[in-house]
Amino acid sequence: SAPIAAFFMGWPHYALALAIMAALVLWRHRA
């Protein structure tokens, strides 16, 4: 939800970094 919120709530410049963070969190949750 974080990169989506950033993109649509007025902080699109943060969205890419937050998307990478989200991908890392998902990878850490692969099990």
Full PDB file with SEQRES, HELIX, SHEET, SSBOND, CRYST1, ORIGX, SCALE, CONECT and MASTER records, all heavy atoms in Angstrom:
SEQRES   1 A   31  SER ALA PRO ILE ALA ALA PHE PHE MET GLY TRP PRO HIS          
SEQRES   2 A   31  TYR ALA LEU ALA LEU ALA ILE MET ALA ALA LEU VAL LEU          
SEQRES   3 A   31  TRP ARG HIS ARG ALA                                          
HELIX    1 AA1 ALA A    2  PHE A    8  1                                   7    
HELIX    2 AA2 PRO A   12  TYR A   14  5                                   3    
HELIX    3 AA3 ALA A   15  ARG A   28  1                                  14    
CRYST1    1.000    1.000    1.000  90.00  90.00  90.00 P 1           1          
ORIGX1      1.000000  0.000000  0.000000        0.00000                         
ORIGX2      0.000000  1.000000  0.000000        0.00000                         
ORIGX3      0.000000  0.000000  1.000000        0.00000                         
SCALE1      1.000000  0.000000  0.000000        0.00000                         
SCALE2      0.000000  1.000000  0.000000        0.00000                         
SCALE3      0.000000  0.000000  1.000000        0.00000                         
ATOM      1  N   SER A   1       0.811  -1.221   0.000  1.00  0.00           N  
ATOM      2  CA  SER A   1       0.000   0.000   0.000  1.00  0.00           C  
ATOM      3  C   SER A   1       0.845   1.272   0.000  1.00  0.00           C  
ATOM      4  O   SER A   1       0.399   2.323  -0.467  1.00  0.00           O  
ATOM      5  CB  SER A   1      -0.935   0.014   1.215  1.00  0.00           C  
ATOM      6  OG  SER A   1      -0.235   0.335   2.418  1.00  0.00           O  
ATOM      7  N   ALA A   2       2.075   1.201   0.516  1.00  0.00           N  
ATOM      8  CA  ALA A   2       2.879   2.408   0.688  1.00  0.00           C  
ATOM      9  C   ALA A   2       3.227   3.093  -0.634  1.00  0.00           C  
ATOM     10  O   ALA A   2       2.991   4.308  -0.776  1.00  0.00           O  
ATOM     11  CB  ALA A   2       4.143   2.089   1.486  1.00  0.00           C  
ATOM     12  N   PRO A   3       3.798   2.386  -1.619  1.00  0.00           N  
ATOM     13  CA  PRO A   3       4.096   3.091  -2.877  1.00  0.00           C  
ATOM     14  C   PRO A   3       2.845   3.555  -3.612  1.00  0.00           C  
ATOM     15  O   PRO A   3       2.861   4.600  -4.281  1.00  0.00           O  
ATOM     16  CB  PRO A   3       4.870   2.038  -3.696  1.00  0.00           C  
ATOM     17  CG  PRO A   3       4.504   0.729  -3.099  1.00  0.00           C  
ATOM     18  CD  PRO A   3       4.277   1.001  -1.644  1.00  0.00           C  
ATOM     19  N   ILE A   4       1.755   2.809  -3.475  1.00  0.00           N  
ATOM     20  CA  ILE A   4       0.497   3.213  -4.112  1.00  0.00           C  
ATOM     21  C   ILE A   4      -0.006   4.509  -3.481  1.00  0.00           C  
ATOM     22  O   ILE A   4      -0.401   5.449  -4.182  1.00  0.00           O  
ATOM     23  CB  ILE A   4      -0.551   2.098  -3.982  1.00  0.00           C  
ATOM     24  CG1 ILE A   4      -0.082   0.850  -4.745  1.00  0.00           C  
ATOM     25  CG2 ILE A   4      -1.908   2.562  -4.506  1.00  0.00           C  
ATOM     26  CD1 ILE A   4      -0.948  -0.371  -4.510  1.00  0.00           C  
ATOM     27  N   ALA A   5       0.044   4.564  -2.146  1.00  0.00           N  
ATOM     28  CA  ALA A   5      -0.388   5.778  -1.443  1.00  0.00           C  
ATOM     29  C   ALA A   5       0.489   6.961  -1.825  1.00  0.00           C  
ATOM     30  O   ALA A   5      -0.006   8.071  -2.058  1.00  0.00           O  
ATOM     31  CB  ALA A   5      -0.350   5.550   0.067  1.00  0.00           C  
ATOM     32  N   ALA A   6       1.800   6.730  -1.889  1.00  0.00           N  
ATOM     33  CA  ALA A   6       2.712   7.825  -2.244  1.00  0.00           C  
ATOM     34  C   ALA A   6       2.399   8.366  -3.633  1.00  0.00           C  
ATOM     35  O   ALA A   6       2.362   9.584  -3.847  1.00  0.00           O  
ATOM     36  CB  ALA A   6       4.154   7.326  -2.186  1.00  0.00           C  
ATOM     37  N   PHE A   7       2.152   7.474  -4.557  1.00  0.00           N  
ATOM     38  CA  PHE A   7       1.908   7.883  -5.946  1.00  0.00           C  
ATOM     39  C   PHE A   7       0.635   8.701  -6.083  1.00  0.00           C  
ATOM     40  O   PHE A   7       0.610   9.724  -6.770  1.00  0.00           O  
ATOM     41  CB  PHE A   7       1.850   6.652  -6.849  1.00  0.00           C  
ATOM     42  CG  PHE A   7       1.762   6.990  -8.312  1.00  0.00           C  
ATOM     43  CD1 PHE A   7       2.903   7.301  -9.029  1.00  0.00           C  
ATOM     44  CD2 PHE A   7       0.540   7.013  -8.967  1.00  0.00           C  
ATOM     45  CE1 PHE A   7       2.833   7.630 -10.383  1.00  0.00           C  
ATOM     46  CE2 PHE A   7       0.453   7.331 -10.314  1.00  0.00           C  
ATOM     47  CZ  PHE A   7       1.601   7.643 -11.028  1.00  0.00           C  
ATOM     48  N   PHE A   8      -0.431   8.251  -5.408  1.00  0.00           N  
ATOM     49  CA  PHE A   8      -1.730   8.892  -5.598  1.00  0.00           C  
ATOM     50  C   PHE A   8      -2.019  10.027  -4.609  1.00  0.00           C  
ATOM     51  O   PHE A   8      -2.972  10.778  -4.815  1.00  0.00           O  
ATOM     52  CB  PHE A   8      -2.853   7.847  -5.516  1.00  0.00           C  
ATOM     53  CG  PHE A   8      -2.924   6.951  -6.726  1.00  0.00           C  
ATOM     54  CD1 PHE A   8      -2.474   5.652  -6.665  1.00  0.00           C  
ATOM     55  CD2 PHE A   8      -3.409   7.430  -7.931  1.00  0.00           C  
ATOM     56  CE1 PHE A   8      -2.532   4.822  -7.781  1.00  0.00           C  
ATOM     57  CE2 PHE A   8      -3.470   6.617  -9.055  1.00  0.00           C  
ATOM     58  CZ  PHE A   8      -3.023   5.311  -8.979  1.00  0.00           C  
ATOM     59  N   MET A   9      -1.201  10.164  -3.562  1.00  0.00           N  
ATOM     60  CA  MET A   9      -1.475  11.191  -2.560  1.00  0.00           C  
ATOM     61  C   MET A   9      -0.554  12.401  -2.686  1.00  0.00           C  
ATOM     62  O   MET A   9      -0.562  13.275  -1.812  1.00  0.00           O  
ATOM     63  CB  MET A   9      -1.386  10.589  -1.159  1.00  0.00           C  
ATOM     64  CG  MET A   9      -2.435   9.514  -0.897  1.00  0.00           C  
ATOM     65  SD  MET A   9      -2.283   8.749   0.741  1.00  0.00           S  
ATOM     66  CE  MET A   9      -2.971  10.047   1.776  1.00  0.00           C  
ATOM     67  N   GLY A  10       0.252  12.451  -3.759  1.00  0.00           N  
ATOM     68  CA  GLY A  10       1.034  13.661  -3.995  1.00  0.00           C  
ATOM     69  C   GLY A  10       2.523  13.553  -3.779  1.00  0.00           C  
ATOM     70  O   GLY A  10       3.230  14.564  -3.820  1.00  0.00           O  
ATOM     71  N   TRP A  11       3.037  12.332  -3.560  1.00  0.00           N  
ATOM     72  CA  TRP A  11       4.482  12.147  -3.388  1.00  0.00           C  
ATOM     73  C   TRP A  11       4.994  11.084  -4.364  1.00  0.00           C  
ATOM     74  O   TRP A  11       5.610  10.096  -3.954  1.00  0.00           O  
ATOM     75  CB  TRP A  11       4.804  11.737  -1.953  1.00  0.00           C  
ATOM     76  CG  TRP A  11       4.481  12.789  -0.946  1.00  0.00           C  
ATOM     77  CD1 TRP A  11       5.266  13.838  -0.579  1.00  0.00           C  
ATOM     78  CD2 TRP A  11       3.281  12.884  -0.157  1.00  0.00           C  
ATOM     79  NE1 TRP A  11       4.645  14.589   0.384  1.00  0.00           N  
ATOM     80  CE2 TRP A  11       3.417  14.030   0.667  1.00  0.00           C  
ATOM     81  CE3 TRP A  11       2.117  12.127  -0.066  1.00  0.00           C  
ATOM     82  CZ2 TRP A  11       2.431  14.419   1.559  1.00  0.00           C  
ATOM     83  CZ3 TRP A  11       1.139  12.514   0.820  1.00  0.00           C  
ATOM     84  CH2 TRP A  11       1.293  13.651   1.617  1.00  0.00           C  
ATOM     85  N   PRO A  12       4.763  11.261  -5.665  1.00  0.00           N  
ATOM     86  CA  PRO A  12       5.180  10.233  -6.630  1.00  0.00           C  
ATOM     87  C   PRO A  12       6.692  10.019  -6.661  1.00  0.00           C  
ATOM     88  O   PRO A  12       7.148   8.944  -7.059  1.00  0.00           O  
ATOM     89  CB  PRO A  12       4.660  10.777  -7.967  1.00  0.00           C  
ATOM     90  CG  PRO A  12       4.542  12.253  -7.756  1.00  0.00           C  
ATOM     91  CD  PRO A  12       4.134  12.421  -6.324  1.00  0.00           C  
ATOM     92  N   HIS A  13       7.462  11.030  -6.245  1.00  0.00           N  
ATOM     93  CA  HIS A  13       8.919  10.889  -6.241  1.00  0.00           C  
ATOM     94  C   HIS A  13       9.405   9.901  -5.180  1.00  0.00           C  
ATOM     95  O   HIS A  13      10.561   9.485  -5.227  1.00  0.00           O  
ATOM     96  CB  HIS A  13       9.581  12.260  -6.041  1.00  0.00           C  
ATOM     97  CG  HIS A  13       9.072  13.026  -4.868  1.00  0.00           C  
ATOM     98  ND1 HIS A  13       7.771  13.497  -4.795  1.00  0.00           N  
ATOM     99  CD2 HIS A  13       9.677  13.416  -3.714  1.00  0.00           C  
ATOM    100  CE1 HIS A  13       7.602  14.148  -3.647  1.00  0.00           C  
ATOM    101  NE2 HIS A  13       8.726  14.098  -2.980  1.00  0.00           N  
ATOM    102  N   TYR A  14       8.538   9.546  -4.230  1.00  0.00           N  
ATOM    103  CA  TYR A  14       8.898   8.541  -3.226  1.00  0.00           C  
ATOM    104  C   TYR A  14       8.454   7.136  -3.634  1.00  0.00           C  
ATOM    105  O   TYR A  14       8.836   6.157  -3.007  1.00  0.00           O  
ATOM    106  CB  TYR A  14       8.246   8.872  -1.881  1.00  0.00           C  
ATOM    107  CG  TYR A  14       8.766  10.110  -1.195  1.00  0.00           C  
ATOM    108  CD1 TYR A  14       7.943  10.846  -0.340  1.00  0.00           C  
ATOM    109  CD2 TYR A  14      10.081  10.545  -1.379  1.00  0.00           C  
ATOM    110  CE1 TYR A  14       8.415  11.985   0.306  1.00  0.00           C  
ATOM    111  CE2 TYR A  14      10.548  11.684  -0.743  1.00  0.00           C  
ATOM    112  CZ  TYR A  14       9.714  12.400   0.104  1.00  0.00           C  
ATOM    113  OH  TYR A  14      10.185  13.518   0.750  1.00  0.00           O  
ATOM    114  N   ALA A  15       7.619   7.041  -4.660  1.00  0.00           N  
ATOM    115  CA  ALA A  15       6.962   5.775  -4.978  1.00  0.00           C  
ATOM    116  C   ALA A  15       7.947   4.677  -5.379  1.00  0.00           C  
ATOM    117  O   ALA A  15       7.792   3.514  -4.965  1.00  0.00           O  
ATOM    118  CB  ALA A  15       5.914   5.976  -6.071  1.00  0.00           C  
ATOM    119  N   LEU A  16       8.959   5.025  -6.173  1.00  0.00           N  
ATOM    120  CA  LEU A  16       9.897   3.998  -6.642  1.00  0.00           C  
ATOM    121  C   LEU A  16      10.656   3.379  -5.473  1.00  0.00           C  
ATOM    122  O   LEU A  16      10.753   2.142  -5.374  1.00  0.00           O  
ATOM    123  CB  LEU A  16      10.876   4.585  -7.659  1.00  0.00           C  
ATOM    124  CG  LEU A  16      11.965   3.617  -8.160  1.00  0.00           C  
ATOM    125  CD1 LEU A  16      11.350   2.388  -8.805  1.00  0.00           C  
ATOM    126  CD2 LEU A  16      12.918   4.326  -9.117  1.00  0.00           C  
ATOM    127  N   ALA A  17      11.196   4.218  -4.601  1.00  0.00           N  
ATOM    128  CA  ALA A  17      11.940   3.695  -3.453  1.00  0.00           C  
ATOM    129  C   ALA A  17      11.034   2.842  -2.567  1.00  0.00           C  
ATOM    130  O   ALA A  17      11.436   1.769  -2.091  1.00  0.00           O  
ATOM    131  CB  ALA A  17      12.549   4.842  -2.646  1.00  0.00           C  
ATOM    132  N   LEU A  18       9.803   3.295  -2.356  1.00  0.00           N  
ATOM    133  CA  LEU A  18       8.862   2.527  -1.537  1.00  0.00           C  
ATOM    134  C   LEU A  18       8.475   1.212  -2.219  1.00  0.00           C  
ATOM    135  O   LEU A  18       8.269   0.196  -1.549  1.00  0.00           O  
ATOM    136  CB  LEU A  18       7.616   3.362  -1.241  1.00  0.00           C  
ATOM    137  CG  LEU A  18       7.812   4.490  -0.227  1.00  0.00           C  
ATOM    138  CD1 LEU A  18       6.617   5.447  -0.251  1.00  0.00           C  
ATOM    139  CD2 LEU A  18       8.004   3.919   1.184  1.00  0.00           C  
ATOM    140  N   ALA A  19       8.398   1.224  -3.541  1.00  0.00           N  
ATOM    141  CA  ALA A  19       8.089  -0.006  -4.270  1.00  0.00           C  
ATOM    142  C   ALA A  19       9.219  -1.026  -4.118  1.00  0.00           C  
ATOM    143  O   ALA A  19       8.970  -2.234  -3.966  1.00  0.00           O  
ATOM    144  CB  ALA A  19       7.840   0.294  -5.739  1.00  0.00           C  
ATOM    145  N   ILE A  20      10.461  -0.551  -4.149  1.00  0.00           N  
ATOM    146  CA  ILE A  20      11.602  -1.451  -3.950  1.00  0.00           C  
ATOM    147  C   ILE A  20      11.580  -2.013  -2.527  1.00  0.00           C  
ATOM    148  O   ILE A  20      11.833  -3.206  -2.312  1.00  0.00           O  
ATOM    149  CB  ILE A  20      12.925  -0.720  -4.235  1.00  0.00           C  
ATOM    150  CG1 ILE A  20      12.976  -0.278  -5.701  1.00  0.00           C  
ATOM    151  CG2 ILE A  20      14.117  -1.616  -3.912  1.00  0.00           C  
ATOM    152  CD1 ILE A  20      14.146   0.644  -6.025  1.00  0.00           C  
ATOM    153  N   MET A  21      11.257  -1.158  -1.555  1.00  0.00           N  
ATOM    154  CA  MET A  21      11.139  -1.626  -0.174  1.00  0.00           C  
ATOM    155  C   MET A  21      10.052  -2.686  -0.047  1.00  0.00           C  
ATOM    156  O   MET A  21      10.222  -3.706   0.634  1.00  0.00           O  
ATOM    157  CB  MET A  21      10.837  -0.454   0.765  1.00  0.00           C  
ATOM    158  CG  MET A  21      11.950   0.555   0.917  1.00  0.00           C  
ATOM    159  SD  MET A  21      11.485   1.920   2.029  1.00  0.00           S  
ATOM    160  CE  MET A  21      11.971   3.346   1.053  1.00  0.00           C  
ATOM    161  N   ALA A  22       8.911  -2.451  -0.697  1.00  0.00           N  
ATOM    162  CA  ALA A  22       7.811  -3.419  -0.655  1.00  0.00           C  
ATOM    163  C   ALA A  22       8.238  -4.744  -1.276  1.00  0.00           C  
ATOM    164  O   ALA A  22       7.915  -5.820  -0.743  1.00  0.00           O  
ATOM    165  CB  ALA A  22       6.590  -2.853  -1.374  1.00  0.00           C  
ATOM    166  N   ALA A  23       8.978  -4.672  -2.383  1.00  0.00           N  
ATOM    167  CA  ALA A  23       9.457  -5.900  -3.030  1.00  0.00           C  
ATOM    168  C   ALA A  23      10.394  -6.668  -2.103  1.00  0.00           C  
ATOM    169  O   ALA A  23      10.338  -7.910  -2.036  1.00  0.00           O  
ATOM    170  CB  ALA A  23      10.164  -5.561  -4.341  1.00  0.00           C  
ATOM    171  N   LEU A  24      11.240  -5.941  -1.369  1.00  0.00           N  
ATOM    172  CA  LEU A  24      12.139  -6.599  -0.419  1.00  0.00           C  
ATOM    173  C   LEU A  24      11.358  -7.265   0.702  1.00  0.00           C  
ATOM    174  O   LEU A  24      11.659  -8.396   1.102  1.00  0.00           O  
ATOM    175  CB  LEU A  24      13.125  -5.577   0.152  1.00  0.00           C  
ATOM    176  CG  LEU A  24      14.093  -6.079   1.229  1.00  0.00           C  
ATOM    177  CD1 LEU A  24      14.936  -7.237   0.698  1.00  0.00           C  
ATOM    178  CD2 LEU A  24      14.993  -4.940   1.717  1.00  0.00           C  
ATOM    179  N   VAL A  25      10.337  -6.571   1.200  1.00  0.00           N  
ATOM    180  CA  VAL A  25       9.495  -7.151   2.255  1.00  0.00           C  
ATOM    181  C   VAL A  25       8.810  -8.422   1.753  1.00  0.00           C  
ATOM    182  O   VAL A  25       8.758  -9.439   2.460  1.00  0.00           O  
ATOM    183  CB  VAL A  25       8.458  -6.123   2.749  1.00  0.00           C  
ATOM    184  CG1 VAL A  25       7.391  -6.786   3.616  1.00  0.00           C  
ATOM    185  CG2 VAL A  25       9.146  -5.006   3.530  1.00  0.00           C  
ATOM    186  N   LEU A  26       8.306  -8.400   0.539  1.00  0.00           N  
ATOM    187  CA  LEU A  26       7.663  -9.590  -0.032  1.00  0.00           C  
ATOM    188  C   LEU A  26       8.674 -10.723  -0.178  1.00  0.00           C  
ATOM    189  O   LEU A  26       8.361 -11.894   0.105  1.00  0.00           O  
ATOM    190  CB  LEU A  26       7.025  -9.263  -1.380  1.00  0.00           C  
ATOM    191  CG  LEU A  26       5.826  -8.316  -1.357  1.00  0.00           C  
ATOM    192  CD1 LEU A  26       5.338  -8.055  -2.780  1.00  0.00           C  
ATOM    193  CD2 LEU A  26       4.690  -8.868  -0.514  1.00  0.00           C  
ATOM    194  N   TRP A  27       9.876 -10.397  -0.629  1.00  0.00           N  
ATOM    195  CA  TRP A  27      10.914 -11.427  -0.773  1.00  0.00           C  
ATOM    196  C   TRP A  27      11.253 -12.041   0.574  1.00  0.00           C  
ATOM    197  O   TRP A  27      11.420 -13.260   0.683  1.00  0.00           O  
ATOM    198  CB  TRP A  27      12.152 -10.809  -1.407  1.00  0.00           C  
ATOM    199  CG  TRP A  27      13.281 -11.797  -1.557  1.00  0.00           C  
ATOM    200  CD1 TRP A  27      13.383 -12.818  -2.458  1.00  0.00           C  
ATOM    201  CD2 TRP A  27      14.473 -11.836  -0.763  1.00  0.00           C  
ATOM    202  NE1 TRP A  27      14.563 -13.508  -2.261  1.00  0.00           N  
ATOM    203  CE2 TRP A  27      15.256 -12.919  -1.235  1.00  0.00           C  
ATOM    204  CE3 TRP A  27      14.960 -11.057   0.303  1.00  0.00           C  
ATOM    205  CZ2 TRP A  27      16.489 -13.247  -0.677  1.00  0.00           C  
ATOM    206  CZ3 TRP A  27      16.182 -11.382   0.850  1.00  0.00           C  
ATOM    207  CH2 TRP A  27      16.933 -12.466   0.365  1.00  0.00           C  
ATOM    208  N   ARG A  28      11.313 -11.216   1.616  1.00  0.00           N  
ATOM    209  CA  ARG A  28      11.608 -11.729   2.954  1.00  0.00           C  
ATOM    210  C   ARG A  28      10.463 -12.586   3.487  1.00  0.00           C  
ATOM    211  O   ARG A  28      10.663 -13.385   4.403  1.00  0.00           O  
ATOM    212  CB  ARG A  28      11.877 -10.557   3.910  1.00  0.00           C  
ATOM    213  CG  ARG A  28      13.136  -9.779   3.605  1.00  0.00           C  
ATOM    214  CD  ARG A  28      14.384 -10.585   3.887  1.00  0.00           C  
ATOM    215  NE  ARG A  28      14.552 -10.821   5.313  1.00  0.00           N  
ATOM    216  CZ  ARG A  28      15.415 -11.678   5.839  1.00  0.00           C  
ATOM    217  NH1 ARG A  28      16.166 -12.422   5.047  1.00  0.00           N  
ATOM    218  NH2 ARG A  28      15.516 -11.824   7.142  1.00  0.00           N  
ATOM    219  N   HIS A  29       9.282 -12.430   2.921  1.00  0.00           N  
ATOM    220  CA  HIS A  29       8.119 -13.211   3.337  1.00  0.00           C  
ATOM    221  C   HIS A  29       7.842 -14.391   2.402  1.00  0.00           C  
ATOM    222  O   HIS A  29       6.753 -14.953   2.433  1.00  0.00           O  
ATOM    223  CB  HIS A  29       6.863 -12.322   3.380  1.00  0.00           C  
ATOM    224  CG  HIS A  29       6.762 -11.469   4.600  1.00  0.00           C  
ATOM    225  ND1 HIS A  29       7.406 -10.254   4.720  1.00  0.00           N  
ATOM    226  CD2 HIS A  29       6.074 -11.639   5.765  1.00  0.00           C  
ATOM    227  CE1 HIS A  29       7.107  -9.709   5.897  1.00  0.00           C  
ATOM    228  NE2 HIS A  29       6.312 -10.532   6.558  1.00  0.00           N  
ATOM    229  N   ARG A  30       8.828 -14.787   1.580  1.00  0.00           N  
ATOM    230  CA  ARG A  30       8.540 -15.813   0.580  1.00  0.00           C  
ATOM    231  C   ARG A  30       8.091 -17.139   1.197  1.00  0.00           C  
ATOM    232  O   ARG A  30       7.212 -17.819   0.641  1.00  0.00           O  
ATOM    233  CB  ARG A  30       9.747 -16.015  -0.344  1.00  0.00           C  
ATOM    234  CG  ARG A  30      11.037 -16.393   0.332  1.00  0.00           C  
ATOM    235  CD  ARG A  30      12.220 -16.145  -0.611  1.00  0.00           C  
ATOM    236  NE  ARG A  30      13.500 -16.563  -0.022  1.00  0.00           N  
ATOM    237  CZ  ARG A  30      14.192 -15.842   0.850  1.00  0.00           C  
ATOM    238  NH1 ARG A  30      13.715 -14.666   1.261  1.00  0.00           N  
ATOM    239  NH2 ARG A  30      15.344 -16.292   1.310  1.00  0.00           N  
ATOM    240  N   ALA A  31       8.632 -17.508   2.359  1.00  0.00           N  
ATOM    241  CA  ALA A  31       8.176 -18.739   3.026  1.00  0.00           C  
ATOM    242  C   ALA A  31       6.745 -18.576   3.526  1.00  0.00           C  
ATOM    243  O   ALA A  31       5.939 -19.520   3.455  1.00  0.00           O  
ATOM    244  CB  ALA A  31       9.108 -19.099   4.175  1.00  0.00           C  
TER     245      ALA A  31                                                      
MASTER        0    0    0    3    0    0    0    6  244    1    0    3          
END                                                                             
